[in-house]
Amino acid sequence: MIQKSSEALSRRAFLGMAGAATGIMVLASSCDKNDDNMMNNGVDLGSGDVGILNYAYALEQLEAAFYTRVAQSPYNGISASENALLTDIRDHEIAHREFFKSALAGAAISNLEFDFSAIDFGSRASVLATAKAFEDLGVSAYNGAGKLIVTPDYLTLAGKIVSVEARHAAYIRDLISNGSFADNTVVDMNGLDTSRMPVDVLAVAAGFIKTKINASNLPR
């Protein structure tokens, strides 16, 4: 079981990524943050590697906010094991979010606002279905963004995070239906996981994000 202090977890879990973080901050320091990135067209994620990192940061904000709500108000009938592991997932997502926020520094987008009104947090089925959707989406997002990343250290970082997200997805899937952790809805006949490009990921996530996001400058 991981330590429940998010700040301590954030410091320790990413100690080995310090080199990548330093590189992100150096690159980010050369990018102007234009009025908190908020323009008439929405929060601008930016361009190049910084834009991709802000894209990942936005998704980690979404997942962290969702699991924080789950932990604050556990669904009816939740078992001690489920509660403990979902809390672990929350802490992982918070650590991911805080890492990107710290590393991007002045180039980081603002805190986003979310709309979880469609989720019944008292219902196990509703919470787990949403968790499954978010985790599968997150894995496909990192998979799709990998080819857009130029800096090798950032690609390594993304690989470390997506492997954790895939562990989350497998656990959530098996809570819903045992043995479904790698079924043909996420793994193809070649044994490869699904991938999505940022425009497709953000279109799905938009149903839960109140803040308008401008991804027009992301690499394609």
C-alpha atoms as a PDB file:
ATOM      1  CA  MET A   1       0.000   0.000   0.000  1.00  0.00           C
ATOM      2  CA  ILE A   2       1.421   3.411  -0.858  1.00  0.00           C
ATOM      3  CA  GLN A   3       1.845   6.244   1.607  1.00  0.00           C
ATOM      4  CA  LYS A   4      -1.314   8.326   1.861  1.00  0.00           C
ATOM      5  CA  SER A   5       0.438  11.699   2.043  1.00  0.00           C
ATOM      6  CA  SER A   6       0.189  13.065  -1.492  1.00  0.00           C
ATOM      7  CA  GLU A   7       3.009  15.560  -0.988  1.00  0.00           C
ATOM      8  CA  ALA A   8       5.403  12.887   0.269  1.00  0.00           C
ATOM      9  CA  LEU A   9       4.356  10.560  -2.503  1.00  0.00           C
ATOM     10  CA  SER A  10       4.922  13.249  -5.116  1.00  0.00           C
ATOM     11  CA  ARG A  11       8.437  13.919  -3.843  1.00  0.00           C
ATOM     12  CA  ARG A  12       9.458  10.283  -3.637  1.00  0.00           C
ATOM     13  CA  ALA A  13       7.653   8.716  -6.576  1.00  0.00           C
ATOM     14  CA  PHE A  14       9.315  11.033  -9.087  1.00  0.00           C
ATOM     15  CA  LEU A  15      12.774  11.410  -7.532  1.00  0.00           C
ATOM     16  CA  GLY A  16      14.220   9.294 -10.306  1.00  0.00           C
ATOM     17  CA  MET A  17      12.649  11.605 -12.893  1.00  0.00           C
ATOM     18  CA  ALA A  18      14.511  14.696 -11.714  1.00  0.00           C
ATOM     19  CA  GLY A  19      16.528  14.896 -14.900  1.00  0.00           C
ATOM     20  CA  ALA A  20      13.413  14.910 -17.039  1.00  0.00           C
ATOM     21  CA  ALA A  21      11.781  17.468 -14.763  1.00  0.00           C
ATOM     22  CA  THR A  22      14.768  19.782 -15.052  1.00  0.00           C
ATOM     23  CA  GLY A  23      14.596  19.502 -18.832  1.00  0.00           C
ATOM     24  CA  ILE A  24      10.900  20.318 -18.820  1.00  0.00           C
ATOM     25  CA  MET A  25      11.479  23.400 -16.666  1.00  0.00           C
ATOM     26  CA  VAL A  26      14.271  24.625 -18.922  1.00  0.00           C
ATOM     27  CA  LEU A  27      12.078  24.237 -21.978  1.00  0.00           C
ATOM     28  CA  ALA A  28       9.054  25.687 -20.221  1.00  0.00           C
ATOM     29  CA  SER A  29      11.003  28.745 -19.067  1.00  0.00           C
ATOM     30  CA  SER A  30      11.466  29.725 -22.699  1.00  0.00           C
ATOM     31  CA  CYS A  31       7.708  29.718 -23.314  1.00  0.00           C
ATOM     32  CA  ASP A  32       5.564  32.734 -22.506  1.00  0.00           C
ATOM     33  CA  LYS A  33       2.445  32.088 -20.465  1.00  0.00           C
ATOM     34  CA  ASN A  34      -0.065  34.441 -22.036  1.00  0.00           C
ATOM     35  CA  ASP A  35      -2.563  35.640 -19.398  1.00  0.00           C
ATOM     36  CA  ASP A  36      -2.633  32.221 -17.736  1.00  0.00           C
ATOM     37  CA  ASN A  37      -3.027  30.711 -21.214  1.00  0.00           C
ATOM     38  CA  MET A  38      -6.669  31.837 -21.203  1.00  0.00           C
ATOM     39  CA  MET A  39      -7.777  33.452 -24.437  1.00  0.00           C
ATOM     40  CA  ASN A  40     -11.181  33.770 -26.107  1.00  0.00           C
ATOM     41  CA  ASN A  41     -10.559  30.388 -27.685  1.00  0.00           C
ATOM     42  CA  GLY A  42      -9.994  28.746 -24.323  1.00  0.00           C
ATOM     43  CA  VAL A  43      -6.993  27.593 -22.303  1.00  0.00           C
ATOM     44  CA  ASP A  44      -4.152  27.205 -24.815  1.00  0.00           C
ATOM     45  CA  LEU A  45      -2.161  24.025 -24.168  1.00  0.00           C
ATOM     46  CA  GLY A  46       0.734  25.423 -26.145  1.00  0.00           C
ATOM     47  CA  SER A  47       2.913  23.865 -28.819  1.00  0.00           C
ATOM     48  CA  GLY A  48       5.698  21.318 -29.151  1.00  0.00           C
ATOM     49  CA  ASP A  49       6.693  19.171 -26.198  1.00  0.00           C
ATOM     50  CA  VAL A  50       5.351  21.712 -23.686  1.00  0.00           C
ATOM     51  CA  GLY A  51       1.954  21.501 -25.357  1.00  0.00           C
ATOM     52  CA  ILE A  52       1.957  17.698 -25.087  1.00  0.00           C
ATOM     53  CA  LEU A  53       2.983  17.895 -21.439  1.00  0.00           C
ATOM     54  CA  ASN A  54       0.169  20.365 -20.743  1.00  0.00           C
ATOM     55  CA  TYR A  55      -2.190  17.973 -22.531  1.00  0.00           C
ATOM     56  CA  ALA A  56      -1.079  15.192 -20.181  1.00  0.00           C
ATOM     57  CA  TYR A  57      -1.380  17.602 -17.241  1.00  0.00           C
ATOM     58  CA  ALA A  58      -4.989  18.381 -18.184  1.00  0.00           C
ATOM     59  CA  LEU A  59      -5.877  14.677 -18.228  1.00  0.00           C
ATOM     60  CA  GLU A  60      -4.134  14.074 -14.909  1.00  0.00           C
ATOM     61  CA  GLN A  61      -6.100  16.979 -13.412  1.00  0.00           C
ATOM     62  CA  LEU A  62      -9.311  15.300 -14.578  1.00  0.00           C
ATOM     63  CA  GLU A  63      -8.423  11.906 -13.129  1.00  0.00           C
ATOM     64  CA  ALA A  64      -7.146  13.358  -9.842  1.00  0.00           C
ATOM     65  CA  ALA A  65     -10.344  15.379  -9.390  1.00  0.00           C
ATOM     66  CA  PHE A  66     -12.511  12.335 -10.099  1.00  0.00           C
ATOM     67  CA  TYR A  67     -10.740   9.977  -7.699  1.00  0.00           C
ATOM     68  CA  THR A  68     -10.642  12.687  -5.027  1.00  0.00           C
ATOM     69  CA  ARG A  69     -14.444  12.813  -5.199  1.00  0.00           C
ATOM     70  CA  VAL A  70     -14.620   9.017  -5.026  1.00  0.00           C
ATOM     71  CA  ALA A  71     -12.422   8.985  -1.909  1.00  0.00           C
ATOM     72  CA  GLN A  72     -14.381  11.783  -0.259  1.00  0.00           C
ATOM     73  CA  SER A  73     -17.698   9.994  -0.747  1.00  0.00           C
ATOM     74  CA  PRO A  74     -17.204   6.228  -1.206  1.00  0.00           C
ATOM     75  CA  TYR A  75     -19.989   4.459  -3.079  1.00  0.00           C
ATOM     76  CA  ASN A  76     -22.554   2.311  -1.298  1.00  0.00           C
ATOM     77  CA  GLY A  77     -21.291  -1.125  -0.324  1.00  0.00           C
ATOM     78  CA  ILE A  78     -17.635  -0.410  -1.076  1.00  0.00           C
ATOM     79  CA  SER A  79     -15.331  -3.048   0.401  1.00  0.00           C
ATOM     80  CA  ALA A  80     -12.278  -2.201   2.490  1.00  0.00           C
ATOM     81  CA  SER A  81     -10.032  -3.535  -0.281  1.00  0.00           C
ATOM     82  CA  GLU A  82     -11.732  -1.502  -3.004  1.00  0.00           C
ATOM     83  CA  ASN A  83     -11.639   1.631  -0.863  1.00  0.00           C
ATOM     84  CA  ALA A  84      -7.932   1.203  -0.126  1.00  0.00           C
ATOM     85  CA  LEU A  85      -6.958   0.561  -3.746  1.00  0.00           C
ATOM     86  CA  LEU A  86      -9.097   3.348  -5.178  1.00  0.00           C
ATOM     87  CA  THR A  87      -7.438   5.653  -2.661  1.00  0.00           C
ATOM     88  CA  ASP A  88      -4.072   4.428  -3.903  1.00  0.00           C
ATOM     89  CA  ILE A  89      -5.136   5.285  -7.457  1.00  0.00           C
ATOM     90  CA  ARG A  90      -6.188   8.744  -6.277  1.00  0.00           C
ATOM     91  CA  ASP A  91      -2.737   9.275  -4.779  1.00  0.00           C
ATOM     92  CA  HIS A  92      -1.033   8.135  -7.981  1.00  0.00           C
ATOM     93  CA  GLU A  93      -3.105  10.574 -10.054  1.00  0.00           C
ATOM     94  CA  ILE A  94      -2.410  13.425  -7.652  1.00  0.00           C
ATOM     95  CA  ALA A  95       1.307  12.627  -7.852  1.00  0.00           C
ATOM     96  CA  HIS A  96       1.157  12.684 -11.664  1.00  0.00           C
ATOM     97  CA  ARG A  97      -0.766  15.971 -11.628  1.00  0.00           C
ATOM     98  CA  GLU A  98       1.598  17.656  -9.194  1.00  0.00           C
ATOM     99  CA  PHE A  99       4.662  16.444 -11.078  1.00  0.00           C
ATOM    100  CA  PHE A 100       3.492  18.030 -14.324  1.00  0.00           C
ATOM    101  CA  LYS A 101       2.442  21.219 -12.538  1.00  0.00           C
ATOM    102  CA  SER A 102       5.828  21.592 -10.863  1.00  0.00           C
ATOM    103  CA  ALA A 103       7.859  20.631 -13.899  1.00  0.00           C
ATOM    104  CA  LEU A 104       6.001  22.897 -16.325  1.00  0.00           C
ATOM    105  CA  ALA A 105       6.264  25.796 -13.869  1.00  0.00           C
ATOM    106  CA  GLY A 106       5.263  29.057 -15.563  1.00  0.00           C
ATOM    107  CA  ALA A 107       4.192  27.294 -18.744  1.00  0.00           C
ATOM    108  CA  ALA A 108       1.617  25.137 -16.953  1.00  0.00           C
ATOM    109  CA  ILE A 109      -2.024  25.709 -17.799  1.00  0.00           C
ATOM    110  CA  SER A 110      -4.374  26.888 -15.063  1.00  0.00           C
ATOM    111  CA  ASN A 111      -6.403  24.610 -12.820  1.00  0.00           C
ATOM    112  CA  LEU A 112      -9.333  23.293 -14.844  1.00  0.00           C
ATOM    113  CA  GLU A 113     -12.962  23.103 -13.750  1.00  0.00           C
ATOM    114  CA  PHE A 114     -14.853  19.834 -14.079  1.00  0.00           C
ATOM    115  CA  ASP A 115     -18.460  18.710 -14.338  1.00  0.00           C
ATOM    116  CA  PHE A 116     -19.161  15.352 -12.735  1.00  0.00           C
ATOM    117  CA  SER A 117     -22.923  15.832 -12.560  1.00  0.00           C
ATOM    118  CA  ALA A 118     -23.543  12.820 -14.806  1.00  0.00           C
ATOM    119  CA  ILE A 119     -21.852  10.504 -12.297  1.00  0.00           C
ATOM    120  CA  ASP A 120     -23.718   8.932  -9.382  1.00  0.00           C
ATOM    121  CA  PHE A 121     -20.938   8.770  -6.801  1.00  0.00           C
ATOM    122  CA  GLY A 122     -23.126   6.650  -4.537  1.00  0.00           C
ATOM    123  CA  SER A 123     -23.374   3.923  -7.171  1.00  0.00           C
ATOM    124  CA  ARG A 124     -20.606   1.357  -7.601  1.00  0.00           C
ATOM    125  CA  ALA A 125     -21.641   0.731 -11.209  1.00  0.00           C
ATOM    126  CA  SER A 126     -21.561   4.432 -12.099  1.00  0.00           C
ATOM    127  CA  VAL A 127     -18.218   5.107 -10.396  1.00  0.00           C
ATOM    128  CA  LEU A 128     -16.465   2.057 -11.843  1.00  0.00           C
ATOM    129  CA  ALA A 129     -17.854   2.647 -15.345  1.00  0.00           C
ATOM    130  CA  THR A 130     -16.494   6.200 -15.237  1.00  0.00           C
ATOM    131  CA  ALA A 131     -13.172   5.040 -13.811  1.00  0.00           C
ATOM    132  CA  LYS A 132     -12.895   2.475 -16.622  1.00  0.00           C
ATOM    133  CA  ALA A 133     -13.646   5.136 -19.235  1.00  0.00           C
ATOM    134  CA  PHE A 134     -11.068   7.546 -17.780  1.00  0.00           C
ATOM    135  CA  GLU A 135      -8.341   4.930 -17.381  1.00  0.00           C
ATOM    136  CA  ASP A 136      -8.819   3.462 -20.861  1.00  0.00           C
ATOM    137  CA  LEU A 137      -8.885   6.988 -22.268  1.00  0.00           C
ATOM    138  CA  GLY A 138      -5.714   7.946 -20.398  1.00  0.00           C
ATOM    139  CA  VAL A 139      -3.793   4.904 -21.620  1.00  0.00           C
ATOM    140  CA  SER A 140      -4.843   5.522 -25.222  1.00  0.00           C
ATOM    141  CA  ALA A 141      -3.933   9.202 -24.842  1.00  0.00           C
ATOM    142  CA  TYR A 142      -0.363   8.501 -23.741  1.00  0.00           C
ATOM    143  CA  ASN A 143      -0.028   5.840 -26.447  1.00  0.00           C
ATOM    144  CA  GLY A 144      -1.168   8.295 -29.112  1.00  0.00           C
ATOM    145  CA  ALA A 145       0.950  11.181 -27.865  1.00  0.00           C
ATOM    146  CA  GLY A 146       4.189   9.201 -27.764  1.00  0.00           C
ATOM    147  CA  LYS A 147       5.007   9.737 -31.432  1.00  0.00           C
ATOM    148  CA  LEU A 148       4.465  13.482 -31.032  1.00  0.00           C
ATOM    149  CA  ILE A 149       7.120  13.866 -28.321  1.00  0.00           C
ATOM    150  CA  VAL A 150      10.524  15.043 -29.541  1.00  0.00           C
ATOM    151  CA  THR A 151      12.652  14.947 -26.382  1.00  0.00           C
ATOM    152  CA  PRO A 152      13.716  11.383 -25.435  1.00  0.00           C
ATOM    153  CA  ASP A 153      13.560  12.067 -21.670  1.00  0.00           C
ATOM    154  CA  TYR A 154       9.933  13.132 -21.979  1.00  0.00           C
ATOM    155  CA  LEU A 155       9.092  10.000 -23.925  1.00  0.00           C
ATOM    156  CA  THR A 156      10.667   7.925 -21.154  1.00  0.00           C
ATOM    157  CA  LEU A 157       8.608   9.828 -18.602  1.00  0.00           C
ATOM    158  CA  ALA A 158       5.407   9.230 -20.563  1.00  0.00           C
ATOM    159  CA  GLY A 159       6.231   5.524 -20.758  1.00  0.00           C
ATOM    160  CA  LYS A 160       6.618   5.327 -16.980  1.00  0.00           C
ATOM    161  CA  ILE A 161       3.310   7.060 -16.374  1.00  0.00           C
ATOM    162  CA  VAL A 162       1.292   5.158 -18.975  1.00  0.00           C
ATOM    163  CA  SER A 163       2.423   1.862 -17.464  1.00  0.00           C
ATOM    164  CA  VAL A 164       0.917   2.950 -14.136  1.00  0.00           C
ATOM    165  CA  GLU A 165      -2.280   4.096 -15.863  1.00  0.00           C
ATOM    166  CA  ALA A 166      -2.517   0.676 -17.536  1.00  0.00           C
ATOM    167  CA  ARG A 167      -2.258  -1.001 -14.122  1.00  0.00           C
ATOM    168  CA  HIS A 168      -5.151   1.163 -12.951  1.00  0.00           C
ATOM    169  CA  ALA A 169      -7.190   0.277 -16.030  1.00  0.00           C
ATOM    170  CA  ALA A 170      -6.589  -3.444 -15.551  1.00  0.00           C
ATOM    171  CA  TYR A 171      -7.670  -3.304 -11.898  1.00  0.00           C
ATOM    172  CA  ILE A 172     -10.831  -1.300 -12.619  1.00  0.00           C
ATOM    173  CA  ARG A 173     -11.780  -3.575 -15.507  1.00  0.00           C
ATOM    174  CA  ASP A 174     -11.445  -6.674 -13.348  1.00  0.00           C
ATOM    175  CA  LEU A 175     -13.551  -5.089 -10.603  1.00  0.00           C
ATOM    176  CA  ILE A 176     -16.323  -4.738 -13.175  1.00  0.00           C
ATOM    177  CA  SER A 177     -15.835  -8.100 -14.902  1.00  0.00           C
ATOM    178  CA  ASN A 178     -13.132 -10.515 -13.807  1.00  0.00           C
ATOM    179  CA  GLY A 179     -10.726 -11.373 -16.621  1.00  0.00           C
ATOM    180  CA  SER A 180     -11.590  -8.374 -18.803  1.00  0.00           C
ATOM    181  CA  PHE A 181      -8.343  -6.525 -18.051  1.00  0.00           C
ATOM    182  CA  ALA A 182      -6.988  -7.028 -21.590  1.00  0.00           C
ATOM    183  CA  ASP A 183      -9.999  -7.871 -23.731  1.00  0.00           C
ATOM    184  CA  ASN A 184     -10.370  -7.055 -27.424  1.00  0.00           C
ATOM    185  CA  THR A 185     -11.908  -3.651 -26.744  1.00  0.00           C
ATOM    186  CA  VAL A 186      -8.474  -2.335 -25.702  1.00  0.00           C
ATOM    187  CA  VAL A 187      -5.945  -4.846 -27.095  1.00  0.00           C
ATOM    188  CA  ASP A 188      -5.972  -5.711 -30.796  1.00  0.00           C
ATOM    189  CA  MET A 189      -5.174  -9.016 -32.535  1.00  0.00           C
ATOM    190  CA  ASN A 190      -1.492  -8.057 -32.675  1.00  0.00           C
ATOM    191  CA  GLY A 191      -1.354  -7.676 -28.897  1.00  0.00           C
ATOM    192  CA  LEU A 192      -1.136  -3.886 -29.139  1.00  0.00           C
ATOM    193  CA  ASP A 193      -3.017  -1.467 -26.941  1.00  0.00           C
ATOM    194  CA  THR A 194      -5.314   1.160 -28.433  1.00  0.00           C
ATOM    195  CA  SER A 195      -4.124   4.705 -29.063  1.00  0.00           C
ATOM    196  CA  ARG A 196      -5.914   7.986 -29.680  1.00  0.00           C
ATOM    197  CA  MET A 197      -4.740  11.348 -30.933  1.00  0.00           C
ATOM    198  CA  PRO A 198      -5.218  14.416 -28.712  1.00  0.00           C
ATOM    199  CA  VAL A 199      -8.184  15.771 -30.686  1.00  0.00           C
ATOM    200  CA  ASP A 200     -10.071  12.504 -30.178  1.00  0.00           C
ATOM    201  CA  VAL A 201      -9.157  12.213 -26.496  1.00  0.00           C
ATOM    202  CA  LEU A 202     -10.195  15.774 -25.720  1.00  0.00           C
ATOM    203  CA  ALA A 203     -13.489  15.288 -27.549  1.00  0.00           C
ATOM    204  CA  VAL A 204     -14.322  12.443 -25.150  1.00  0.00           C
ATOM    205  CA  ALA A 205     -13.018  14.252 -22.060  1.00  0.00           C
ATOM    206  CA  ALA A 206     -14.925  17.434 -22.949  1.00  0.00           C
ATOM    207  CA  GLY A 207     -18.092  15.973 -21.452  1.00  0.00           C
ATOM    208  CA  PHE A 208     -16.472  16.280 -18.016  1.00  0.00           C
ATOM    209  CA  ILE A 209     -14.343  19.422 -18.441  1.00  0.00           C
ATOM    210  CA  LYS A 210     -16.118  22.772 -17.974  1.00  0.00           C
ATOM    211  CA  THR A 211     -13.072  24.826 -18.916  1.00  0.00           C
ATOM    212  CA  LYS A 212     -12.697  25.326 -22.645  1.00  0.00           C
ATOM    213  CA  ILE A 213      -9.424  23.894 -23.935  1.00  0.00           C
ATOM    214  CA  ASN A 214      -7.629  25.074 -27.064  1.00  0.00           C
ATOM    215  CA  ALA A 215      -5.449  22.296 -28.475  1.00  0.00           C
ATOM    216  CA  SER A 216      -4.997  23.851 -31.920  1.00  0.00           C
ATOM    217  CA  ASN A 217      -1.260  24.419 -31.458  1.00  0.00           C
ATOM    218  CA  LEU A 218      -0.391  20.863 -30.477  1.00  0.00           C
ATOM    219  CA  PRO A 219       1.860  18.897 -32.834  1.00  0.00           C
ATOM    220  CA  ARG A 220       0.043  16.520 -35.163  1.00  0.00           C
END
